[in-house]
Amino acid sequence: MPQAMKIAIVDDEQDMRQSISQWLALSGFETATFARAEDALKEIGPDFPGVVVTDIKMPGMDGLSFLKKLMSLDSTLPVIMITGHGDVPMAVEAMRIGAYDFMEKPFNPDRMTELAKRASQARRLVLDNRALRRELGDGSVLVKKLMGFSPVMERLREDILDLGQADGHVLIDGETGTGKTLVAHALHAVGPRAGRKFVQIACAACDPDALSARLFGPVEEGGALPAVEEARGGTLCLEDVEALSPALQARLLTFINDQGSPAETRIIAVSNLQEQDKTVEDVLRPDLYYRLAAMKITLPPLRNRGEDILTLFNRFSEQFAEEYGCDVPEVSAQEAAQLMQAPWPGNIRQLINISERAVLQSRRGSGTIASLLMADNEATRPVMTTEGKPLKEYVEAFERMLIDNTMRRHKGSIAGVMEELCLPRRTLNEKMAKYGLSRADYL
């Protein structure tokens, strides 16, 4: 859920502070007031989640000095300056230093609200982009995004942490929608190259000549560096590596050989080859394949991940329900079994789509998860995987999902969960321990 934007109001006049605060609070903002700039600086840091409204003329640190200090902390922080009559030259100087905007006293409260809204929107965009950049550079965050408790996912996370520290090139394959690009980012982010460039090239998106120029040059005057130069010292990620022509495969092999060992630039090759009778090994020349596949990760299909399917469905449904402002759809035991039995040809990507549509149809009060699965797989027969699962696995997966959902609804209240599920405390505690559920995660 997005963090609420705050408005820090700094003014030595108490009446002014209170009137601005009350007006903005009525407009839905969370406010904090400060009589001195020095006090405000104790609360405002580089990632302050909001906007600053400050007077220019104040005892002690004045508004311009305060603005300069804020800009040195975070040059993207929106600061709205309040000026007295005749202080327009000072306001112009404030804009030059980096102020978001200014208002003259007496000001129109509606203009104050409008400015605060626009500044808050700009601030949220900056913070969201900043968080995304940190996420793509934070291996621990990326690995956590690979959700699931199944043995294959535990092993995948361990492989990422291990191979991320190595120097060898990596080949990632697996069915479409399993998260191969996310794994490529995670491998880069957990390793020694984390602070360096991660350059991603979609090999299937360009014709051979354009792809050759993008990878190896020459480039147009003033254009971007060739990818092999841009990624030097970092990671070069080649999506759809099977799309490389024989000539480009030869050039890539030469580039790899010229680097020596250990390689200055790590190559992560991602294969999306879906043909039943052909693998990426059949398409690439053998000497290139064995160089790229020095280390290999094959992502598991969703249908082989057991109760992870329900865990992921719950998480995505919660996110969409929050986005659309409605309740999370209830999942029956039969529907839980159907989710676990589905073949999921589109894997995680397909599950995300099903979750969103389930939330939307639940909001309308119509439709079933089974109908969504049937339509998605274009089948009129029950959707089943090629391998059945023991009844015990379905029962345990549904039980875990039910306790997890109920704990979330009651925000970790054991008493509420006991009452809704008609379970004694000891039984609930035993089942939570069995399924690895902790009350602290729901508070």
Protein backbone atom coordinates (compact mmCIF):
# COMPACT_ATOMS: atom_id res chain seq x y z
CA MET A 1 0.00 0.00 0.00
CA PRO A 2 1.45 3.42 -0.94
CA GLN A 3 2.82 5.40 1.97
CA ALA A 4 0.68 8.43 2.95
CA MET A 5 2.16 11.75 1.92
CA LYS A 6 2.89 14.20 4.76
CA ILE A 7 3.05 17.99 4.79
CA ALA A 8 5.69 19.54 7.07
CA ILE A 9 4.68 23.13 7.92
CA VAL A 10 7.45 25.44 9.18
CA ASP A 11 6.53 28.94 10.40
CA ASP A 12 7.45 30.90 13.51
CA GLU A 13 3.90 32.32 13.75
CA GLN A 14 1.69 29.88 15.64
CA ASP A 15 -1.58 31.14 14.12
CA MET A 16 -0.21 30.71 10.61
CA ARG A 17 1.06 27.18 11.35
CA GLN A 18 -2.26 26.12 12.80
CA SER A 19 -4.41 27.62 10.05
CA ILE A 20 -2.34 25.97 7.28
CA SER A 21 -2.34 22.68 9.16
CA GLN A 22 -6.09 22.71 9.77
CA TRP A 23 -6.89 23.56 6.17
CA LEU A 24 -4.62 20.86 4.73
CA ALA A 25 -5.89 18.32 7.26
CA LEU A 26 -9.44 19.05 6.07
CA SER A 27 -8.17 18.38 2.54
CA GLY A 28 -7.03 14.90 3.60
CA PHE A 29 -3.33 15.51 4.29
CA GLU A 30 -1.34 14.34 7.30
CA THR A 31 0.47 17.37 8.71
CA ALA A 32 3.30 18.11 11.13
CA THR A 33 4.10 21.63 12.36
CA PHE A 34 7.39 23.19 13.42
CA ALA A 35 8.14 26.64 14.86
CA ARG A 36 11.80 26.56 13.76
CA ALA A 37 13.62 25.22 10.74
CA GLU A 38 16.17 23.62 13.04
CA ASP A 39 13.42 21.48 14.62
CA ALA A 40 12.06 20.44 11.22
CA LEU A 41 15.48 19.27 10.05
CA LYS A 42 15.52 16.72 12.87
CA GLU A 43 12.48 15.04 11.27
CA ILE A 44 13.11 15.52 7.55
CA GLY A 45 15.57 13.19 5.85
CA PRO A 46 16.53 12.38 2.24
CA ASP A 47 13.49 10.12 1.68
CA PHE A 48 10.95 12.25 3.55
CA PRO A 49 7.55 10.98 2.32
CA GLY A 50 5.95 14.31 1.57
CA VAL A 51 6.24 18.05 1.02
CA VAL A 52 7.61 20.99 3.01
CA VAL A 53 5.72 24.29 3.35
CA THR A 54 7.88 27.00 4.91
CA ASP A 55 7.90 30.73 5.54
CA ILE A 56 10.85 32.68 4.16
CA LYS A 57 11.35 35.16 7.01
CA MET A 58 11.98 33.37 10.31
CA PRO A 59 14.31 33.97 13.29
CA GLY A 60 17.34 31.74 13.50
CA MET A 61 17.64 29.79 10.25
CA ASP A 62 15.62 31.70 7.66
CA GLY A 63 13.64 30.12 4.82
CA LEU A 64 16.36 30.44 2.18
CA SER A 65 19.01 28.86 4.42
CA PHE A 66 16.50 26.13 5.31
CA LEU A 67 15.79 25.54 1.62
CA LYS A 68 19.51 25.22 0.81
CA LYS A 69 19.89 22.66 3.59
CA LEU A 70 16.88 20.66 2.35
CA MET A 71 18.20 20.70 -1.22
CA SER A 72 21.54 19.37 -0.01
CA LEU A 73 19.69 16.51 1.73
CA ASP A 74 17.41 15.70 -1.22
CA SER A 75 17.30 17.93 -4.29
CA THR A 76 13.97 16.38 -5.40
CA LEU A 77 12.07 17.29 -2.20
CA PRO A 78 9.19 19.68 -3.06
CA VAL A 79 9.43 22.84 -0.94
CA ILE A 80 6.65 25.47 -1.13
CA MET A 81 7.75 28.89 0.11
CA ILE A 82 5.43 31.40 1.80
CA THR A 83 6.42 35.02 1.27
CA GLY A 84 5.19 38.31 2.67
CA HIS A 85 4.20 41.28 0.57
CA GLY A 86 7.23 42.67 -1.27
CA ASP A 87 9.30 39.47 -0.87
CA VAL A 88 8.90 38.40 -4.49
CA PRO A 89 12.65 38.86 -5.27
CA MET A 90 13.41 36.47 -2.40
CA ALA A 91 10.84 34.03 -3.80
CA VAL A 92 12.51 34.18 -7.21
CA GLU A 93 15.85 33.40 -5.54
CA ALA A 94 14.18 30.49 -3.75
CA MET A 95 12.97 29.10 -7.10
CA ARG A 96 16.51 29.39 -8.45
CA ILE A 97 17.81 27.39 -5.48
CA GLY A 98 15.24 24.65 -6.08
CA ALA A 99 11.90 25.55 -4.44
CA TYR A 100 8.86 23.83 -5.95
CA ASP A 101 6.71 27.00 -5.90
CA PHE A 102 5.82 30.01 -3.74
CA MET A 103 2.74 31.85 -2.47
CA GLU A 104 2.31 35.39 -1.25
CA LYS A 105 0.49 36.24 1.98
CA PRO A 106 -2.42 36.43 2.28
CA PHE A 107 -2.86 33.36 0.12
CA ASN A 108 -5.88 31.51 -1.22
CA PRO A 109 -6.37 28.28 0.78
CA ASP A 110 -7.64 26.48 -2.32
CA ARG A 111 -4.41 27.34 -4.13
CA MET A 112 -2.48 25.97 -1.16
CA THR A 113 -4.42 22.68 -1.40
CA GLU A 114 -3.89 22.45 -5.15
CA LEU A 115 -0.15 23.11 -4.81
CA ALA A 116 0.12 20.53 -2.02
CA LYS A 117 -1.66 17.93 -4.17
CA ARG A 118 0.55 18.52 -7.20
CA ALA A 119 3.72 18.55 -5.11
CA SER A 120 2.65 15.33 -3.32
CA GLN A 121 2.01 13.57 -6.63
CA ALA A 122 5.43 14.62 -7.89
CA ARG A 123 7.03 13.45 -4.65
CA ARG A 124 5.30 10.07 -4.77
CA LEU A 125 6.53 9.50 -8.33
CA VAL A 126 10.11 10.30 -7.30
CA LEU A 127 9.95 8.01 -4.26
CA ASP A 128 8.35 5.17 -6.24
CA ASN A 129 11.04 5.39 -8.92
CA ARG A 130 13.72 5.55 -6.26
CA ALA A 131 12.29 2.48 -4.52
CA LEU A 132 12.18 0.60 -7.84
CA ARG A 133 15.82 1.39 -8.55
CA ARG A 134 16.78 0.22 -5.05
CA GLU A 135 14.73 -2.93 -5.50
CA LEU A 136 16.49 -3.79 -8.75
CA GLY A 137 19.80 -3.26 -6.99
CA ASP A 138 18.91 -5.11 -3.79
CA GLY A 139 19.44 -8.83 -4.14
CA SER A 140 17.67 -9.67 -0.89
CA VAL A 141 14.51 -7.88 -2.05
CA LEU A 142 14.57 -9.58 -5.45
CA VAL A 143 15.09 -13.02 -3.96
CA LYS A 144 12.14 -12.42 -1.60
CA LYS A 145 9.98 -11.65 -4.65
CA LEU A 146 10.51 -15.27 -5.69
CA MET A 147 7.77 -16.34 -3.29
CA GLY A 148 6.98 -19.88 -2.28
CA PHE A 149 7.83 -22.59 0.23
CA SER A 150 8.07 -25.56 -2.15
CA PRO A 151 11.39 -27.46 -2.24
CA VAL A 152 12.05 -26.34 -5.83
CA MET A 153 11.73 -22.66 -4.85
CA GLU A 154 13.91 -23.08 -1.76
CA ARG A 155 16.55 -24.65 -4.01
CA LEU A 156 16.17 -21.89 -6.61
CA ARG A 157 16.80 -19.16 -4.02
CA GLU A 158 19.86 -21.05 -2.77
CA ASP A 159 21.16 -21.43 -6.35
CA ILE A 160 20.76 -17.68 -6.98
CA LEU A 161 22.72 -16.81 -3.84
CA ASP A 162 25.45 -19.30 -4.74
CA LEU A 163 25.77 -18.58 -8.47
CA GLY A 164 25.45 -14.83 -7.89
CA GLN A 165 28.87 -14.85 -6.23
CA ALA A 166 30.55 -16.72 -9.09
CA ASP A 167 32.20 -15.29 -12.22
CA GLY A 168 30.98 -17.77 -14.83
CA HIS A 169 28.35 -17.05 -17.44
CA VAL A 170 24.82 -18.31 -16.75
CA LEU A 171 22.07 -19.79 -18.91
CA ILE A 172 18.50 -19.47 -17.59
CA ASP A 173 15.73 -21.47 -19.21
CA GLY A 174 12.21 -22.58 -18.37
CA GLU A 175 8.65 -22.13 -19.57
CA THR A 176 7.23 -18.72 -20.40
CA GLY A 177 6.01 -16.70 -17.43
CA THR A 178 8.15 -18.44 -14.80
CA GLY A 179 10.18 -15.35 -13.88
CA LYS A 180 13.43 -15.81 -15.79
CA THR A 181 14.12 -12.08 -16.15
CA LEU A 182 13.56 -11.55 -12.41
CA VAL A 183 16.10 -14.29 -11.70
CA ALA A 184 18.60 -12.62 -14.06
CA HIS A 185 18.25 -9.33 -12.15
CA ALA A 186 18.60 -11.19 -8.84
CA LEU A 187 21.80 -12.96 -9.95
CA HIS A 188 23.34 -9.58 -10.78
CA ALA A 189 22.08 -7.92 -7.60
CA VAL A 190 23.43 -10.51 -5.14
CA GLY A 191 26.90 -10.67 -6.67
CA PRO A 192 30.07 -8.54 -6.71
CA ARG A 193 28.88 -6.70 -9.86
CA ALA A 194 25.77 -5.34 -8.09
CA GLY A 195 26.95 -1.72 -8.23
CA ARG A 196 27.76 -1.90 -11.94
CA LYS A 197 25.71 -1.80 -15.13
CA PHE A 198 23.04 -4.41 -15.92
CA VAL A 199 22.38 -4.13 -19.66
CA GLN A 200 19.42 -6.07 -21.02
CA ILE A 201 19.04 -6.81 -24.75
CA ALA A 202 15.93 -8.42 -26.30
CA CYS A 203 17.53 -10.44 -29.09
CA ALA A 204 14.21 -11.40 -30.71
CA ALA A 205 13.07 -7.77 -30.99
CA CYS A 206 15.59 -6.70 -33.66
CA ASP A 207 16.55 -7.86 -37.12
CA PRO A 208 20.09 -9.32 -37.36
CA ASP A 209 21.72 -6.12 -38.65
CA ALA A 210 20.13 -3.89 -35.98
CA LEU A 211 20.96 -6.44 -33.28
CA SER A 212 24.57 -6.66 -34.46
CA ALA A 213 24.92 -2.88 -34.27
CA ARG A 214 23.29 -2.75 -30.83
CA LEU A 215 25.53 -5.48 -29.45
CA PHE A 216 28.87 -4.77 -31.11
CA GLY A 217 28.57 -1.46 -33.00
CA PRO A 218 29.18 0.63 -34.95
CA VAL A 219 26.70 3.09 -33.46
CA GLU A 220 25.42 6.35 -34.90
CA GLU A 221 27.19 9.51 -33.82
CA GLY A 222 25.89 10.57 -30.42
CA GLY A 223 24.11 7.22 -29.92
CA ALA A 224 24.42 4.76 -27.05
CA LEU A 225 27.53 2.66 -26.69
CA PRO A 226 27.44 -0.88 -28.08
CA ALA A 227 26.02 -3.20 -25.41
CA VAL A 228 29.31 -5.05 -24.92
CA GLU A 229 30.97 -1.71 -24.07
CA GLU A 230 28.05 -0.36 -22.04
CA ALA A 231 28.03 -3.49 -19.86
CA ARG A 232 31.81 -3.66 -19.42
CA GLY A 233 32.62 -4.77 -15.89
CA GLY A 234 28.95 -5.51 -15.18
CA THR A 235 26.36 -7.90 -16.60
CA LEU A 236 25.07 -8.31 -20.15
CA CYS A 237 21.67 -10.05 -20.17
CA LEU A 238 20.65 -11.55 -23.52
CA GLU A 239 16.90 -12.27 -23.63
CA ASP A 240 15.80 -14.87 -26.23
CA VAL A 241 19.42 -15.85 -26.84
CA GLU A 242 18.19 -18.55 -29.25
CA ALA A 243 17.26 -15.74 -31.68
CA LEU A 244 20.96 -14.95 -32.37
CA SER A 245 21.93 -15.64 -35.99
CA PRO A 246 24.89 -17.95 -36.67
CA ALA A 247 27.02 -14.89 -37.51
CA LEU A 248 26.14 -13.17 -34.21
CA GLN A 249 26.74 -16.38 -32.30
CA ALA A 250 30.26 -16.44 -33.75
CA ARG A 251 30.88 -12.78 -32.77
CA LEU A 252 29.56 -13.41 -29.24
CA LEU A 253 31.83 -16.42 -28.87
CA THR A 254 34.82 -14.32 -29.98
CA PHE A 255 33.89 -11.65 -27.43
CA ILE A 256 33.71 -14.27 -24.67
CA ASN A 257 37.05 -15.81 -25.65
CA ASP A 258 38.77 -12.42 -25.84
CA GLN A 259 37.72 -11.59 -22.28
CA GLY A 260 39.82 -14.35 -20.80
CA SER A 261 39.17 -15.76 -17.34
CA PRO A 262 37.70 -14.57 -15.07
CA ALA A 263 35.42 -12.68 -17.45
CA GLU A 264 35.34 -8.91 -17.07
CA THR A 265 31.71 -8.82 -18.20
CA ARG A 266 29.34 -11.56 -17.10
CA ILE A 267 26.79 -12.80 -19.62
CA ILE A 268 23.41 -14.08 -18.48
CA ALA A 269 21.61 -15.75 -21.38
CA VAL A 270 17.85 -16.25 -21.10
CA SER A 271 16.14 -18.78 -23.34
CA ASN A 272 12.41 -18.75 -24.07
CA LEU A 273 12.47 -21.60 -26.59
CA GLN A 274 9.09 -23.35 -26.33
CA GLU A 275 9.26 -26.01 -29.04
CA GLN A 276 8.61 -29.51 -27.73
CA ASP A 277 11.26 -31.25 -29.81
CA LYS A 278 13.99 -28.60 -29.66
CA THR A 279 16.06 -27.06 -26.86
CA VAL A 280 18.38 -24.07 -26.75
CA GLU A 281 21.27 -26.55 -26.92
CA ASP A 282 20.01 -27.63 -30.35
CA VAL A 283 19.87 -24.04 -31.63
CA LEU A 284 23.17 -22.59 -30.39
CA ARG A 285 26.53 -23.71 -31.73
CA PRO A 286 28.01 -26.19 -29.23
CA ASP A 287 31.09 -24.15 -28.28
CA LEU A 288 28.91 -21.10 -27.49
CA TYR A 289 26.29 -23.17 -25.65
CA TYR A 290 28.84 -24.72 -23.31
CA ARG A 291 30.38 -21.32 -22.59
CA LEU A 292 27.01 -19.79 -21.72
CA ALA A 293 25.79 -22.85 -19.83
CA ALA A 294 28.85 -23.04 -17.58
CA MET A 295 26.20 -22.48 -14.92
CA LYS A 296 22.57 -23.24 -15.66
CA ILE A 297 19.29 -22.51 -13.90
CA THR A 298 16.04 -24.09 -15.04
CA LEU A 299 12.99 -22.44 -13.51
CA PRO A 300 10.25 -24.78 -12.30
CA PRO A 301 6.81 -24.58 -13.94
CA LEU A 302 4.05 -23.38 -11.65
CA ARG A 303 2.14 -26.69 -11.85
CA ASN A 304 5.06 -28.41 -10.09
CA ARG A 305 5.11 -26.03 -7.13
CA GLY A 306 2.26 -27.49 -5.08
CA GLU A 307 0.73 -25.18 -2.51
CA ASP A 308 2.87 -22.27 -3.76
CA ILE A 309 0.02 -21.85 -6.27
CA LEU A 310 -2.38 -20.94 -3.46
CA THR A 311 0.17 -18.72 -1.71
CA LEU A 312 0.76 -16.74 -4.90
CA PHE A 313 -2.95 -16.57 -5.76
CA ASN A 314 -3.66 -15.15 -2.29
CA ARG A 315 -0.92 -12.51 -2.51
CA PHE A 316 -1.91 -11.34 -5.99
CA SER A 317 -5.61 -11.31 -5.07
CA GLU A 318 -4.86 -9.16 -2.00
CA GLN A 319 -2.91 -6.69 -4.13
CA PHE A 320 -5.68 -6.40 -6.74
CA ALA A 321 -8.42 -6.18 -4.09
CA GLU A 322 -6.54 -3.26 -2.51
CA GLU A 323 -6.08 -1.64 -5.92
CA TYR A 324 -9.78 -1.94 -6.80
CA GLY A 325 -11.02 -1.13 -3.29
CA CYS A 326 -12.93 -4.34 -2.66
CA ASP A 327 -12.75 -7.50 -0.55
CA VAL A 328 -10.44 -10.41 -1.36
CA PRO A 329 -12.53 -13.19 -2.98
CA GLU A 330 -13.16 -16.24 -0.81
CA VAL A 331 -11.67 -19.48 -2.15
CA SER A 332 -13.55 -22.70 -1.44
CA ALA A 333 -11.90 -26.08 -0.92
CA GLN A 334 -13.06 -27.17 -4.38
CA GLU A 335 -11.65 -24.02 -6.00
CA ALA A 336 -8.34 -24.44 -4.13
CA ALA A 337 -8.07 -27.96 -5.54
CA GLN A 338 -8.90 -26.66 -9.03
CA LEU A 339 -6.17 -24.04 -8.77
CA MET A 340 -3.66 -26.71 -7.78
CA GLN A 341 -4.83 -29.07 -10.54
CA ALA A 342 -4.69 -26.53 -13.37
CA PRO A 343 -1.89 -27.00 -15.96
CA TRP A 344 -0.87 -23.29 -15.89
CA PRO A 345 0.74 -23.09 -19.35
CA GLY A 346 1.36 -19.37 -18.78
CA ASN A 347 2.75 -19.95 -15.28
CA ILE A 348 3.08 -16.92 -12.94
CA ARG A 349 1.97 -14.48 -15.61
CA GLN A 350 -1.22 -16.46 -16.16
CA LEU A 351 -1.82 -16.75 -12.40
CA ILE A 352 -1.57 -12.96 -12.04
CA ASN A 353 -4.19 -12.51 -14.78
CA ILE A 354 -6.53 -15.08 -13.19
CA SER A 355 -6.13 -13.38 -9.78
CA GLU A 356 -7.08 -9.98 -11.17
CA ARG A 357 -10.10 -11.33 -13.03
CA ALA A 358 -11.21 -13.27 -9.93
CA VAL A 359 -11.16 -10.03 -7.92
CA LEU A 360 -13.08 -8.14 -10.61
CA GLN A 361 -15.80 -10.78 -10.98
CA SER A 362 -16.06 -11.14 -7.19
CA ARG A 363 -16.66 -7.39 -6.99
CA ARG A 364 -19.53 -7.84 -9.45
CA GLY A 365 -20.83 -10.80 -7.45
CA SER A 366 -20.69 -13.29 -10.32
CA GLY A 367 -18.50 -16.00 -11.82
CA THR A 368 -16.25 -18.71 -10.41
CA ILE A 369 -12.54 -19.44 -10.42
CA ALA A 370 -13.28 -22.70 -12.27
CA SER A 371 -14.91 -20.78 -15.14
CA LEU A 372 -11.86 -18.52 -15.39
CA LEU A 373 -9.52 -21.50 -15.52
CA MET A 374 -11.63 -23.26 -18.13
CA ALA A 375 -11.80 -20.16 -20.33
CA ASP A 376 -8.10 -19.45 -19.93
CA ASN A 377 -7.10 -22.95 -21.00
CA GLU A 378 -9.74 -23.09 -23.76
CA ALA A 379 -10.97 -26.43 -22.49
CA THR A 380 -14.41 -27.85 -21.88
CA ARG A 381 -13.15 -30.71 -19.75
CA PRO A 382 -11.91 -30.44 -16.15
CA VAL A 383 -8.47 -28.85 -16.14
CA MET A 384 -6.00 -31.33 -14.67
CA THR A 385 -2.25 -31.61 -14.64
CA THR A 386 -0.68 -34.71 -16.15
CA GLU A 387 0.31 -35.80 -12.64
CA GLY A 388 -2.27 -36.22 -9.90
CA LYS A 389 -1.59 -35.16 -6.31
CA PRO A 390 -2.41 -37.04 -3.12
CA LEU A 391 -5.61 -35.93 -1.36
CA LYS A 392 -3.53 -35.13 1.75
CA GLU A 393 -1.59 -32.48 -0.23
CA TYR A 394 -4.79 -30.73 -1.35
CA VAL A 395 -6.24 -30.79 2.17
CA GLU A 396 -3.09 -29.39 3.78
CA ALA A 397 -2.70 -26.69 1.13
CA PHE A 398 -6.31 -25.56 1.60
CA GLU A 399 -5.95 -25.63 5.39
CA ARG A 400 -2.82 -23.49 5.27
CA MET A 401 -4.48 -21.03 2.87
CA LEU A 402 -7.57 -20.80 5.08
CA ILE A 403 -5.56 -20.05 8.25
CA ASP A 404 -3.35 -17.57 6.37
CA ASN A 405 -6.35 -15.69 4.95
CA THR A 406 -8.15 -15.63 8.32
CA MET A 407 -5.03 -14.38 10.14
CA ARG A 408 -4.73 -11.55 7.60
CA ARG A 409 -8.38 -10.60 7.95
CA HIS A 410 -8.07 -10.46 11.75
CA LYS A 411 -4.63 -8.75 11.60
CA GLY A 412 -3.00 -11.42 13.75
CA SER A 413 -5.77 -11.65 16.39
CA ILE A 414 -5.55 -15.24 17.63
CA ALA A 415 -8.91 -14.91 19.39
CA GLY A 416 -10.61 -13.77 16.18
CA VAL A 417 -9.13 -16.65 14.17
CA MET A 418 -10.07 -19.19 16.85
CA GLU A 419 -13.67 -17.95 16.84
CA GLU A 420 -14.06 -17.85 13.05
CA LEU A 421 -12.48 -21.25 12.41
CA CYS A 422 -13.89 -22.87 15.60
CA LEU A 423 -10.42 -24.05 16.63
CA PRO A 424 -9.03 -24.36 20.17
CA ARG A 425 -5.83 -22.37 20.77
CA ARG A 426 -3.60 -25.44 21.02
CA THR A 427 -4.82 -26.84 17.69
CA LEU A 428 -4.38 -23.46 15.97
CA ASN A 429 -0.86 -23.09 17.39
CA GLU A 430 0.07 -26.59 16.21
CA LYS A 431 -1.25 -25.98 12.70
CA MET A 432 0.48 -22.60 12.42
CA ALA A 433 3.77 -24.21 13.47
CA LYS A 434 3.20 -27.03 10.97
CA TYR A 435 2.63 -24.60 8.08
CA GLY A 436 5.34 -22.11 9.05
CA LEU A 437 2.88 -19.30 9.87
CA SER A 438 3.90 -16.68 12.45
CA ARG A 439 1.48 -14.29 14.18
CA ALA A 440 4.10 -11.51 13.95
CA ASP A 441 3.71 -11.49 10.14
CA TYR A 442 0.08 -10.36 10.41
CA LEU A 443 0.27 -7.64 13.06
